[in-house]
């Protein structure tokens, strides 16, 4: 019997199951990035998936599908659970693909009222997130080891019309708004005990040491949001979240980053490296508050303590 394990790399929280979220103890999807980071239904979008395992970054044979139905109002998850099993399959496979966003994205997952089912009351449009955004869910499935299939869900931001706003607000919004672009992960540096300065990864690191990591990024953007209480456009600045993952040892914080009111373009963490020399792996995922994503993986050699 085939087993299916659902992985949600974009979930807001995780239950305490023992290992920290930052420890890659089994094959996991760490991120699904779309390029461009925001596009209109009917546009072509490239998807890139980061899959990690204890032995390093993996490149499985991935099958993709569009989630075809919005989640019920009573559902607390990010997507309709049936998306794991049902969807509009894509013709292409692989860890990096290009596909065309469904034409009905703003109807099924955006501010336009979806069609009503026979005998059902009229369906209501989706509510935007705090940045005014709407998202087309996409499902990825691949086989790990044994007879286990892993499924992950990503969210591609879609450009939809501004709803419930006066005409003059819509015109101003369209003139001001620029589609989101992915942040750029410029570099990740590490400073081991005894180092005078930090050095770019990858590099050798001592075993059992507290190594200071710093991720540098660029591409933070400002954008207008329609405030439905004041009925005005409000300019927001993107916040940045950095997620850290390691194959061994521990990190001080699973996540770090910068709020919308912070102008620094770097974030730190501390990796207590594995006690035993040998290969180790580090993954860094940077996300902006509008769904843009960038990531990098590093193969590190853990050497004997200095």
C-alpha atoms as a PDB file:
ATOM      1  CA  UNK A   1       0.000   0.000   0.000  1.00  0.00           C
ATOM      2  CA  UNK A   2       1.372   3.396  -0.966  1.00  0.00           C
ATOM      3  CA  UNK A   3       1.741   5.988   1.783  1.00  0.00           C
ATOM      4  CA  UNK A   4       1.386   9.721   1.253  1.00  0.00           C
ATOM      5  CA  UNK A   5       2.967  12.231   3.599  1.00  0.00           C
ATOM      6  CA  UNK A   6       1.937  15.875   3.289  1.00  0.00           C
ATOM      7  CA  UNK A   7       4.608  18.525   3.768  1.00  0.00           C
ATOM      8  CA  UNK A   8       3.573  22.180   3.997  1.00  0.00           C
ATOM      9  CA  UNK A   9       6.690  24.345   3.626  1.00  0.00           C
ATOM     10  CA  UNK A  10       4.584  27.507   3.944  1.00  0.00           C
ATOM     11  CA  UNK A  11       2.698  26.546   7.109  1.00  0.00           C
ATOM     12  CA  UNK A  12       2.687  29.219   9.812  1.00  0.00           C
ATOM     13  CA  UNK A  13       3.420  26.903  12.733  1.00  0.00           C
ATOM     14  CA  UNK A  14       4.344  23.323  13.503  1.00  0.00           C
ATOM     15  CA  UNK A  15       3.518  21.071  16.460  1.00  0.00           C
ATOM     16  CA  UNK A  16       6.293  19.987  18.788  1.00  0.00           C
ATOM     17  CA  UNK A  17       7.242  16.549  17.502  1.00  0.00           C
ATOM     18  CA  UNK A  18      10.628  16.309  19.175  1.00  0.00           C
ATOM     19  CA  UNK A  19      13.235  17.489  16.659  1.00  0.00           C
ATOM     20  CA  UNK A  20      13.389  21.251  16.022  1.00  0.00           C
ATOM     21  CA  UNK A  21      12.002  22.490  12.714  1.00  0.00           C
ATOM     22  CA  UNK A  22      15.531  23.454  11.670  1.00  0.00           C
ATOM     23  CA  UNK A  23      16.908  19.890  11.842  1.00  0.00           C
ATOM     24  CA  UNK A  24      16.642  17.931   8.591  1.00  0.00           C
ATOM     25  CA  UNK A  25      16.350  14.396   9.929  1.00  0.00           C
ATOM     26  CA  UNK A  26      14.486  13.020   6.884  1.00  0.00           C
ATOM     27  CA  UNK A  27      13.676  14.104   3.336  1.00  0.00           C
ATOM     28  CA  UNK A  28      11.755  17.388   3.435  1.00  0.00           C
ATOM     29  CA  UNK A  29      10.561  20.144   1.129  1.00  0.00           C
ATOM     30  CA  UNK A  30      11.952  23.376   2.527  1.00  0.00           C
ATOM     31  CA  UNK A  31      10.619  25.844  -0.050  1.00  0.00           C
ATOM     32  CA  UNK A  32       8.796  26.258  -3.338  1.00  0.00           C
ATOM     33  CA  UNK A  33       9.666  29.482  -5.153  1.00  0.00           C
ATOM     34  CA  UNK A  34       7.888  30.960  -8.161  1.00  0.00           C
ATOM     35  CA  UNK A  35       9.523  33.230 -10.725  1.00  0.00           C
ATOM     36  CA  UNK A  36       8.211  35.820 -11.238  1.00  0.00           C
ATOM     37  CA  UNK A  37       7.061  36.093  -7.643  1.00  0.00           C
ATOM     38  CA  UNK A  38       3.724  37.572  -8.751  1.00  0.00           C
ATOM     39  CA  UNK A  39       1.971  37.094 -12.069  1.00  0.00           C
ATOM     40  CA  UNK A  40      -1.481  37.344 -13.620  1.00  0.00           C
ATOM     41  CA  UNK A  41      -3.605  34.286 -14.388  1.00  0.00           C
ATOM     42  CA  UNK A  42      -2.633  32.988 -17.815  1.00  0.00           C
ATOM     43  CA  UNK A  43       1.021  34.019 -17.422  1.00  0.00           C
ATOM     44  CA  UNK A  44       3.913  31.563 -17.460  1.00  0.00           C
ATOM     45  CA  UNK A  45       5.643  30.985 -14.126  1.00  0.00           C
ATOM     46  CA  UNK A  46       8.744  28.950 -13.277  1.00  0.00           C
ATOM     47  CA  UNK A  47       8.659  26.887 -10.082  1.00  0.00           C
ATOM     48  CA  UNK A  48      11.781  25.872  -8.175  1.00  0.00           C
ATOM     49  CA  UNK A  49      11.633  23.457  -5.257  1.00  0.00           C
ATOM     50  CA  UNK A  50      14.222  22.978  -2.511  1.00  0.00           C
ATOM     51  CA  UNK A  51      14.294  19.402  -1.222  1.00  0.00           C
ATOM     52  CA  UNK A  52      16.662  18.516   1.607  1.00  0.00           C
ATOM     53  CA  UNK A  53      17.734  15.233   3.159  1.00  0.00           C
ATOM     54  CA  UNK A  54      20.274  14.345   5.857  1.00  0.00           C
ATOM     55  CA  UNK A  55      22.772  13.566   3.080  1.00  0.00           C
ATOM     56  CA  UNK A  56      22.287  16.893   1.261  1.00  0.00           C
ATOM     57  CA  UNK A  57      20.103  18.599  -1.318  1.00  0.00           C
ATOM     58  CA  UNK A  58      17.997  16.174  -3.353  1.00  0.00           C
ATOM     59  CA  UNK A  59      16.608  16.316  -6.896  1.00  0.00           C
ATOM     60  CA  UNK A  60      13.660  13.886  -7.026  1.00  0.00           C
ATOM     61  CA  UNK A  61      11.353  13.302  -9.977  1.00  0.00           C
ATOM     62  CA  UNK A  62       8.444  15.585  -9.088  1.00  0.00           C
ATOM     63  CA  UNK A  63       4.906  15.579 -10.456  1.00  0.00           C
ATOM     64  CA  UNK A  64       2.948  18.838 -10.255  1.00  0.00           C
ATOM     65  CA  UNK A  65      -0.717  19.796 -10.210  1.00  0.00           C
ATOM     66  CA  UNK A  66      -2.812  22.910  -9.695  1.00  0.00           C
ATOM     67  CA  UNK A  67      -5.177  22.918  -6.739  1.00  0.00           C
ATOM     68  CA  UNK A  68      -8.560  23.317  -8.397  1.00  0.00           C
ATOM     69  CA  UNK A  69     -10.872  24.231  -5.507  1.00  0.00           C
ATOM     70  CA  UNK A  70     -10.700  26.903  -2.785  1.00  0.00           C
ATOM     71  CA  UNK A  71     -10.644  25.646   0.773  1.00  0.00           C
ATOM     72  CA  UNK A  72     -13.930  25.562   2.714  1.00  0.00           C
ATOM     73  CA  UNK A  73     -14.555  28.418   5.149  1.00  0.00           C
ATOM     74  CA  UNK A  74     -14.362  25.913   8.014  1.00  0.00           C
ATOM     75  CA  UNK A  75     -10.898  24.692   6.961  1.00  0.00           C
ATOM     76  CA  UNK A  76      -7.959  26.098   8.964  1.00  0.00           C
ATOM     77  CA  UNK A  77      -5.205  24.814   6.680  1.00  0.00           C
ATOM     78  CA  UNK A  78      -3.683  26.924   3.925  1.00  0.00           C
ATOM     79  CA  UNK A  79      -5.423  24.913   1.181  1.00  0.00           C
ATOM     80  CA  UNK A  80      -8.279  22.496   0.655  1.00  0.00           C
ATOM     81  CA  UNK A  81      -7.007  19.117   1.990  1.00  0.00           C
ATOM     82  CA  UNK A  82      -8.364  17.449  -1.163  1.00  0.00           C
ATOM     83  CA  UNK A  83      -5.653  19.231  -3.123  1.00  0.00           C
ATOM     84  CA  UNK A  84      -3.249  16.550  -1.910  1.00  0.00           C
ATOM     85  CA  UNK A  85      -5.209  13.905  -3.799  1.00  0.00           C
ATOM     86  CA  UNK A  86      -6.987  15.841  -6.549  1.00  0.00           C
ATOM     87  CA  UNK A  87      -5.926  18.588  -8.906  1.00  0.00           C
ATOM     88  CA  UNK A  88      -5.297  19.601 -12.480  1.00  0.00           C
ATOM     89  CA  UNK A  89      -2.092  17.751 -13.375  1.00  0.00           C
ATOM     90  CA  UNK A  90       0.621  19.490 -15.345  1.00  0.00           C
ATOM     91  CA  UNK A  91       2.315  17.921 -18.349  1.00  0.00           C
ATOM     92  CA  UNK A  92       5.848  18.641 -17.153  1.00  0.00           C
ATOM     93  CA  UNK A  93       7.857  16.976 -14.376  1.00  0.00           C
ATOM     94  CA  UNK A  94      10.985  17.775 -12.411  1.00  0.00           C
ATOM     95  CA  UNK A  95      12.235  19.836  -9.524  1.00  0.00           C
ATOM     96  CA  UNK A  96      12.325  22.967 -11.736  1.00  0.00           C
ATOM     97  CA  UNK A  97       9.436  23.488 -14.158  1.00  0.00           C
ATOM     98  CA  UNK A  98       7.588  26.194 -16.086  1.00  0.00           C
ATOM     99  CA  UNK A  99       3.785  26.225 -16.212  1.00  0.00           C
ATOM    100  CA  UNK A 100       0.937  28.560 -17.136  1.00  0.00           C
ATOM    101  CA  UNK A 101      -1.148  29.908 -14.252  1.00  0.00           C
ATOM    102  CA  UNK A 102      -4.807  28.834 -14.575  1.00  0.00           C
ATOM    103  CA  UNK A 103      -7.049  31.458 -16.118  1.00  0.00           C
ATOM    104  CA  UNK A 104      -9.604  31.222 -13.295  1.00  0.00           C
ATOM    105  CA  UNK A 105      -7.174  31.951 -10.454  1.00  0.00           C
ATOM    106  CA  UNK A 106      -8.772  35.261  -9.434  1.00  0.00           C
ATOM    107  CA  UNK A 107     -12.187  33.604  -9.432  1.00  0.00           C
ATOM    108  CA  UNK A 108     -11.292  30.471  -7.495  1.00  0.00           C
ATOM    109  CA  UNK A 109      -8.713  31.993  -5.156  1.00  0.00           C
ATOM    110  CA  UNK A 110      -9.130  35.760  -5.502  1.00  0.00           C
ATOM    111  CA  UNK A 111     -11.609  38.621  -5.078  1.00  0.00           C
ATOM    112  CA  UNK A 112     -13.954  37.663  -7.891  1.00  0.00           C
ATOM    113  CA  UNK A 113     -17.052  35.690  -6.858  1.00  0.00           C
ATOM    114  CA  UNK A 114     -16.717  32.032  -7.907  1.00  0.00           C
ATOM    115  CA  UNK A 115     -19.606  30.290  -9.689  1.00  0.00           C
ATOM    116  CA  UNK A 116     -22.231  28.718  -7.439  1.00  0.00           C
ATOM    117  CA  UNK A 117     -22.806  24.978  -7.452  1.00  0.00           C
ATOM    118  CA  UNK A 118     -26.292  23.653  -8.208  1.00  0.00           C
ATOM    119  CA  UNK A 119     -28.454  23.906  -5.110  1.00  0.00           C
ATOM    120  CA  UNK A 120     -25.748  25.730  -3.142  1.00  0.00           C
ATOM    121  CA  UNK A 121     -25.845  29.331  -1.888  1.00  0.00           C
ATOM    122  CA  UNK A 122     -23.644  31.851  -3.728  1.00  0.00           C
ATOM    123  CA  UNK A 123     -19.983  31.412  -2.899  1.00  0.00           C
ATOM    124  CA  UNK A 124     -18.124  34.396  -1.463  1.00  0.00           C
ATOM    125  CA  UNK A 125     -14.870  35.752  -2.860  1.00  0.00           C
ATOM    126  CA  UNK A 126     -11.599  35.097  -1.056  1.00  0.00           C
ATOM    127  CA  UNK A 127     -10.230  37.618   1.428  1.00  0.00           C
ATOM    128  CA  UNK A 128      -6.751  39.039   0.725  1.00  0.00           C
ATOM    129  CA  UNK A 129      -3.865  38.536   3.121  1.00  0.00           C
ATOM    130  CA  UNK A 130      -2.469  41.464   5.113  1.00  0.00           C
ATOM    131  CA  UNK A 131      -0.473  42.615   2.067  1.00  0.00           C
ATOM    132  CA  UNK A 132      -3.554  42.580  -0.169  1.00  0.00           C
ATOM    133  CA  UNK A 133      -2.419  39.430  -1.935  1.00  0.00           C
ATOM    134  CA  UNK A 134      -4.115  36.342  -3.372  1.00  0.00           C
ATOM    135  CA  UNK A 135      -2.464  33.001  -4.090  1.00  0.00           C
ATOM    136  CA  UNK A 136      -2.863  30.095  -6.497  1.00  0.00           C
ATOM    137  CA  UNK A 137      -1.984  26.841  -4.682  1.00  0.00           C
ATOM    138  CA  UNK A 138       0.191  24.299  -6.461  1.00  0.00           C
ATOM    139  CA  UNK A 139       0.891  20.732  -5.357  1.00  0.00           C
ATOM    140  CA  UNK A 140       4.112  18.774  -5.835  1.00  0.00           C
ATOM    141  CA  UNK A 141       4.404  15.009  -5.264  1.00  0.00           C
ATOM    142  CA  UNK A 142       7.452  12.758  -5.409  1.00  0.00           C
ATOM    143  CA  UNK A 143       8.588   9.386  -4.143  1.00  0.00           C
ATOM    144  CA  UNK A 144      11.133   9.215  -1.358  1.00  0.00           C
ATOM    145  CA  UNK A 145      12.496   5.922  -0.102  1.00  0.00           C
ATOM    146  CA  UNK A 146      10.555   2.700   0.254  1.00  0.00           C
ATOM    147  CA  UNK A 147       6.919   3.147  -0.678  1.00  0.00           C
ATOM    148  CA  UNK A 148       6.445   6.658   0.714  1.00  0.00           C
ATOM    149  CA  UNK A 149       5.216   9.513  -1.462  1.00  0.00           C
ATOM    150  CA  UNK A 150       5.753  13.055  -0.215  1.00  0.00           C
ATOM    151  CA  UNK A 151       3.404  15.894  -1.145  1.00  0.00           C
ATOM    152  CA  UNK A 152       4.079  19.601  -0.662  1.00  0.00           C
ATOM    153  CA  UNK A 153       1.936  22.645  -1.370  1.00  0.00           C
ATOM    154  CA  UNK A 154       3.255  26.024  -2.525  1.00  0.00           C
ATOM    155  CA  UNK A 155       1.459  29.315  -3.065  1.00  0.00           C
ATOM    156  CA  UNK A 156       2.026  31.440  -6.176  1.00  0.00           C
ATOM    157  CA  UNK A 157       0.934  35.056  -5.744  1.00  0.00           C
ATOM    158  CA  UNK A 158      -1.500  36.118  -8.474  1.00  0.00           C
ATOM    159  CA  UNK A 159      -2.261  39.645  -9.664  1.00  0.00           C
ATOM    160  CA  UNK A 160      -5.999  40.326  -9.421  1.00  0.00           C
ATOM    161  CA  UNK A 161      -8.118  43.452  -9.708  1.00  0.00           C
ATOM    162  CA  UNK A 162      -8.606  45.543  -6.587  1.00  0.00           C
ATOM    163  CA  UNK A 163     -12.127  44.811  -5.344  1.00  0.00           C
ATOM    164  CA  UNK A 164     -14.570  46.856  -3.235  1.00  0.00           C
ATOM    165  CA  UNK A 165     -12.700  50.119  -3.792  1.00  0.00           C
ATOM    166  CA  UNK A 166     -13.854  53.444  -5.302  1.00  0.00           C
ATOM    167  CA  UNK A 167     -12.871  54.085  -8.912  1.00  0.00           C
ATOM    168  CA  UNK A 168     -10.346  56.774  -7.991  1.00  0.00           C
ATOM    169  CA  UNK A 169      -8.667  54.406  -5.505  1.00  0.00           C
ATOM    170  CA  UNK A 170      -8.467  51.662  -8.120  1.00  0.00           C
ATOM    171  CA  UNK A 171      -6.869  54.062 -10.589  1.00  0.00           C
ATOM    172  CA  UNK A 172      -4.322  55.270  -8.029  1.00  0.00           C
ATOM    173  CA  UNK A 173      -3.583  51.708  -6.950  1.00  0.00           C
ATOM    174  CA  UNK A 174      -2.979  50.538 -10.518  1.00  0.00           C
ATOM    175  CA  UNK A 175      -0.628  53.477 -11.094  1.00  0.00           C
ATOM    176  CA  UNK A 176       1.347  52.799  -7.884  1.00  0.00           C
ATOM    177  CA  UNK A 177       1.431  49.026  -7.584  1.00  0.00           C
ATOM    178  CA  UNK A 178       4.356  47.010  -8.931  1.00  0.00           C
ATOM    179  CA  UNK A 179       4.195  43.225  -8.992  1.00  0.00           C
ATOM    180  CA  UNK A 180       6.313  41.560  -6.359  1.00  0.00           C
ATOM    181  CA  UNK A 181       9.777  40.278  -7.204  1.00  0.00           C
ATOM    182  CA  UNK A 182      11.686  37.643  -5.268  1.00  0.00           C
ATOM    183  CA  UNK A 183      14.229  38.812  -2.705  1.00  0.00           C
ATOM    184  CA  UNK A 184      17.856  38.103  -3.575  1.00  0.00           C
ATOM    185  CA  UNK A 185      19.954  36.060  -1.157  1.00  0.00           C
ATOM    186  CA  UNK A 186      23.255  37.808  -1.789  1.00  0.00           C
ATOM    187  CA  UNK A 187      25.545  35.743   0.438  1.00  0.00           C
ATOM    188  CA  UNK A 188      25.785  33.745   3.647  1.00  0.00           C
ATOM    189  CA  UNK A 189      28.908  34.117   5.771  1.00  0.00           C
ATOM    190  CA  UNK A 190      30.168  32.213   8.802  1.00  0.00           C
ATOM    191  CA  UNK A 191      32.470  33.277  11.629  1.00  0.00           C
ATOM    192  CA  UNK A 192      33.899  30.458  13.728  1.00  0.00           C
ATOM    193  CA  UNK A 193      35.506  30.990  17.166  1.00  0.00           C
ATOM    194  CA  UNK A 194      38.956  32.471  16.681  1.00  0.00           C
ATOM    195  CA  UNK A 195      38.162  33.994  13.271  1.00  0.00           C
ATOM    196  CA  UNK A 196      38.905  37.711  12.938  1.00  0.00           C
ATOM    197  CA  UNK A 197      36.282  38.128  10.197  1.00  0.00           C
ATOM    198  CA  UNK A 198      33.424  36.168   8.683  1.00  0.00           C
ATOM    199  CA  UNK A 199      34.033  34.135   5.540  1.00  0.00           C
ATOM    200  CA  UNK A 200      31.698  33.206   2.720  1.00  0.00           C
ATOM    201  CA  UNK A 201      30.217  29.743   2.700  1.00  0.00           C
ATOM    202  CA  UNK A 202      30.988  27.047   1.791  1.00  0.00           C
ATOM    203  CA  UNK A 203      34.029  26.596   4.020  1.00  0.00           C
ATOM    204  CA  UNK A 204      35.415  24.169   6.595  1.00  0.00           C
ATOM    205  CA  UNK A 205      34.080  24.650  10.131  1.00  0.00           C
ATOM    206  CA  UNK A 206      35.307  23.178  13.428  1.00  0.00           C
ATOM    207  CA  UNK A 207      33.301  20.475  15.185  1.00  0.00           C
ATOM    208  CA  UNK A 208      31.269  21.345  18.277  1.00  0.00           C
ATOM    209  CA  UNK A 209      31.746  25.103  17.791  1.00  0.00           C
ATOM    210  CA  UNK A 210      29.327  28.009  18.020  1.00  0.00           C
ATOM    211  CA  UNK A 211      29.556  29.489  14.523  1.00  0.00           C
ATOM    212  CA  UNK A 212      27.883  32.839  13.838  1.00  0.00           C
ATOM    213  CA  UNK A 213      25.972  32.821  10.550  1.00  0.00           C
ATOM    214  CA  UNK A 214      24.813  35.921   8.704  1.00  0.00           C
ATOM    215  CA  UNK A 215      22.523  36.019   5.656  1.00  0.00           C
ATOM    216  CA  UNK A 216      22.606  39.115   3.439  1.00  0.00           C
ATOM    217  CA  UNK A 217      19.766  39.943   1.049  1.00  0.00           C
ATOM    218  CA  UNK A 218      18.528  42.676  -1.259  1.00  0.00           C
ATOM    219  CA  UNK A 219      15.299  43.485  -3.060  1.00  0.00           C
ATOM    220  CA  UNK A 220      13.032  44.672  -0.219  1.00  0.00           C
ATOM    221  CA  UNK A 221      10.135  46.603  -1.768  1.00  0.00           C
ATOM    222  CA  UNK A 222       7.350  48.992  -0.770  1.00  0.00           C
ATOM    223  CA  UNK A 223       3.797  48.654  -2.085  1.00  0.00           C
ATOM    224  CA  UNK A 224       0.294  50.114  -1.614  1.00  0.00           C
ATOM    225  CA  UNK A 225      -2.470  48.288   0.265  1.00  0.00           C
ATOM    226  CA  UNK A 226      -6.135  49.274   0.250  1.00  0.00           C
ATOM    227  CA  UNK A 227      -7.241  49.838   3.855  1.00  0.00           C
ATOM    228  CA  UNK A 228     -10.906  48.874   3.879  1.00  0.00           C
ATOM    229  CA  UNK A 229     -11.521  50.630   7.202  1.00  0.00           C
ATOM    230  CA  UNK A 230     -10.162  54.054   6.264  1.00  0.00           C
ATOM    231  CA  UNK A 231     -10.957  53.527   2.536  1.00  0.00           C
ATOM    232  CA  UNK A 232      -7.497  54.804   1.629  1.00  0.00           C
ATOM    233  CA  UNK A 233      -4.270  53.462   0.152  1.00  0.00           C
ATOM    234  CA  UNK A 234      -1.557  52.779   2.720  1.00  0.00           C
ATOM    235  CA  UNK A 235       2.074  52.232   1.759  1.00  0.00           C
ATOM    236  CA  UNK A 236       3.681  49.191   3.357  1.00  0.00           C
ATOM    237  CA  UNK A 237       7.230  47.866   3.289  1.00  0.00           C
ATOM    238  CA  UNK A 238       8.006  44.184   3.055  1.00  0.00           C
ATOM    239  CA  UNK A 239       9.193  42.292   6.082  1.00  0.00           C
ATOM    240  CA  UNK A 240      11.753  39.499   5.637  1.00  0.00           C
ATOM    241  CA  UNK A 241      11.838  36.076   7.282  1.00  0.00           C
ATOM    242  CA  UNK A 242      14.930  33.862   7.186  1.00  0.00           C
ATOM    243  CA  UNK A 243      14.573  30.132   7.918  1.00  0.00           C
ATOM    244  CA  UNK A 244      17.674  28.123   8.810  1.00  0.00           C
ATOM    245  CA  UNK A 245      18.050  24.356   8.334  1.00  0.00           C
ATOM    246  CA  UNK A 246      20.955  22.027   9.159  1.00  0.00           C
ATOM    247  CA  UNK A 247      21.640  18.314   8.772  1.00  0.00           C
ATOM    248  CA  UNK A 248      23.361  18.098  12.160  1.00  0.00           C
ATOM    249  CA  UNK A 249      24.060  20.121  15.253  1.00  0.00           C
ATOM    250  CA  UNK A 250      21.610  22.835  16.283  1.00  0.00           C
ATOM    251  CA  UNK A 251      20.819  26.432  15.406  1.00  0.00           C
ATOM    252  CA  UNK A 252      19.948  29.029  18.010  1.00  0.00           C
ATOM    253  CA  UNK A 253      16.816  30.194  16.155  1.00  0.00           C
ATOM    254  CA  UNK A 254      14.814  28.328  13.540  1.00  0.00           C
ATOM    255  CA  UNK A 255      13.827  31.705  12.091  1.00  0.00           C
ATOM    256  CA  UNK A 256      15.159  35.234  12.138  1.00  0.00           C
ATOM    257  CA  UNK A 257      14.684  38.251   9.881  1.00  0.00           C
ATOM    258  CA  UNK A 258      13.599  41.877   9.828  1.00  0.00           C
ATOM    259  CA  UNK A 259      10.276  43.604  10.358  1.00  0.00           C
ATOM    260  CA  UNK A 260       8.780  46.105   7.959  1.00  0.00           C
ATOM    261  CA  UNK A 261      10.144  48.979  10.052  1.00  0.00           C
ATOM    262  CA  UNK A 262      13.726  47.654  10.092  1.00  0.00           C
ATOM    263  CA  UNK A 263      16.035  48.755   7.289  1.00  0.00           C
ATOM    264  CA  UNK A 264      18.900  46.309   7.921  1.00  0.00           C
ATOM    265  CA  UNK A 265      19.347  43.790   5.113  1.00  0.00           C
ATOM    266  CA  UNK A 266      20.931  40.953   7.079  1.00  0.00           C
ATOM    267  CA  UNK A 267      19.996  38.542   9.841  1.00  0.00           C
ATOM    268  CA  UNK A 268      22.124  36.391  12.140  1.00  0.00           C
ATOM    269  CA  UNK A 269      21.945  32.977  13.716  1.00  0.00           C
ATOM    270  CA  UNK A 270      24.323  30.684  15.608  1.00  0.00           C
ATOM    271  CA  UNK A 271      25.013  27.147  14.461  1.00  0.00           C
ATOM    272  CA  UNK A 272      26.459  24.790  17.034  1.00  0.00           C
ATOM    273  CA  UNK A 273      28.132  22.434  14.594  1.00  0.00           C
ATOM    274  CA  UNK A 274      28.066  18.623  14.933  1.00  0.00           C
ATOM    275  CA  UNK A 275      30.473  17.106  17.426  1.00  0.00           C
ATOM    276  CA  UNK A 276      31.890  14.615  14.925  1.00  0.00           C
ATOM    277  CA  UNK A 277      33.981  15.593  11.876  1.00  0.00           C
ATOM    278  CA  UNK A 278      32.533  14.852   8.454  1.00  0.00           C
ATOM    279  CA  UNK A 279      30.161  16.321   5.878  1.00  0.00           C
ATOM    280  CA  UNK A 280      27.297  18.560   6.965  1.00  0.00           C
ATOM    281  CA  UNK A 281      24.709  20.625   5.142  1.00  0.00           C
ATOM    282  CA  UNK A 282      23.126  24.039   5.641  1.00  0.00           C
ATOM    283  CA  UNK A 283      20.082  25.484   3.882  1.00  0.00           C
ATOM    284  CA  UNK A 284      18.882  29.089   4.071  1.00  0.00           C
ATOM    285  CA  UNK A 285      15.454  30.235   2.870  1.00  0.00           C
ATOM    286  CA  UNK A 286      14.545  33.927   2.621  1.00  0.00           C
ATOM    287  CA  UNK A 287      10.898  34.971   2.237  1.00  0.00           C
ATOM    288  CA  UNK A 288       9.314  38.387   1.927  1.00  0.00           C
ATOM    289  CA  UNK A 289       5.848  39.167   3.275  1.00  0.00           C
ATOM    290  CA  UNK A 290       4.317  39.117  -0.232  1.00  0.00           C
ATOM    291  CA  UNK A 291       5.288  35.503  -0.880  1.00  0.00           C
ATOM    292  CA  UNK A 292       8.603  36.060  -2.657  1.00  0.00           C
ATOM    293  CA  UNK A 293      11.208  33.375  -1.941  1.00  0.00           C
ATOM    294  CA  UNK A 294      14.937  32.808  -2.400  1.00  0.00           C
ATOM    295  CA  UNK A 295      17.082  29.965  -1.097  1.00  0.00           C
ATOM    296  CA  UNK A 296      20.568  28.497  -1.119  1.00  0.00           C
ATOM    297  CA  UNK A 297      22.216  25.274   0.040  1.00  0.00           C
ATOM    298  CA  UNK A 298      25.777  24.770   1.288  1.00  0.00           C
ATOM    299  CA  UNK A 299      27.856  21.615   1.688  1.00  0.00           C
ATOM    300  CA  UNK A 300      30.176  22.088   4.654  1.00  0.00           C
ATOM    301  CA  UNK A 301      33.073  20.013   5.913  1.00  0.00           C
ATOM    302  CA  UNK A 302      33.187  19.690   9.692  1.00  0.00           C
ATOM    303  CA  UNK A 303      36.802  19.346  10.790  1.00  0.00           C
ATOM    304  CA  UNK A 304      38.381  18.312  14.073  1.00  0.00           C
ATOM    305  CA  UNK A 305      38.092  20.941  16.834  1.00  0.00           C
ATOM    306  CA  UNK A 306      40.708  23.667  16.638  1.00  0.00           C
END
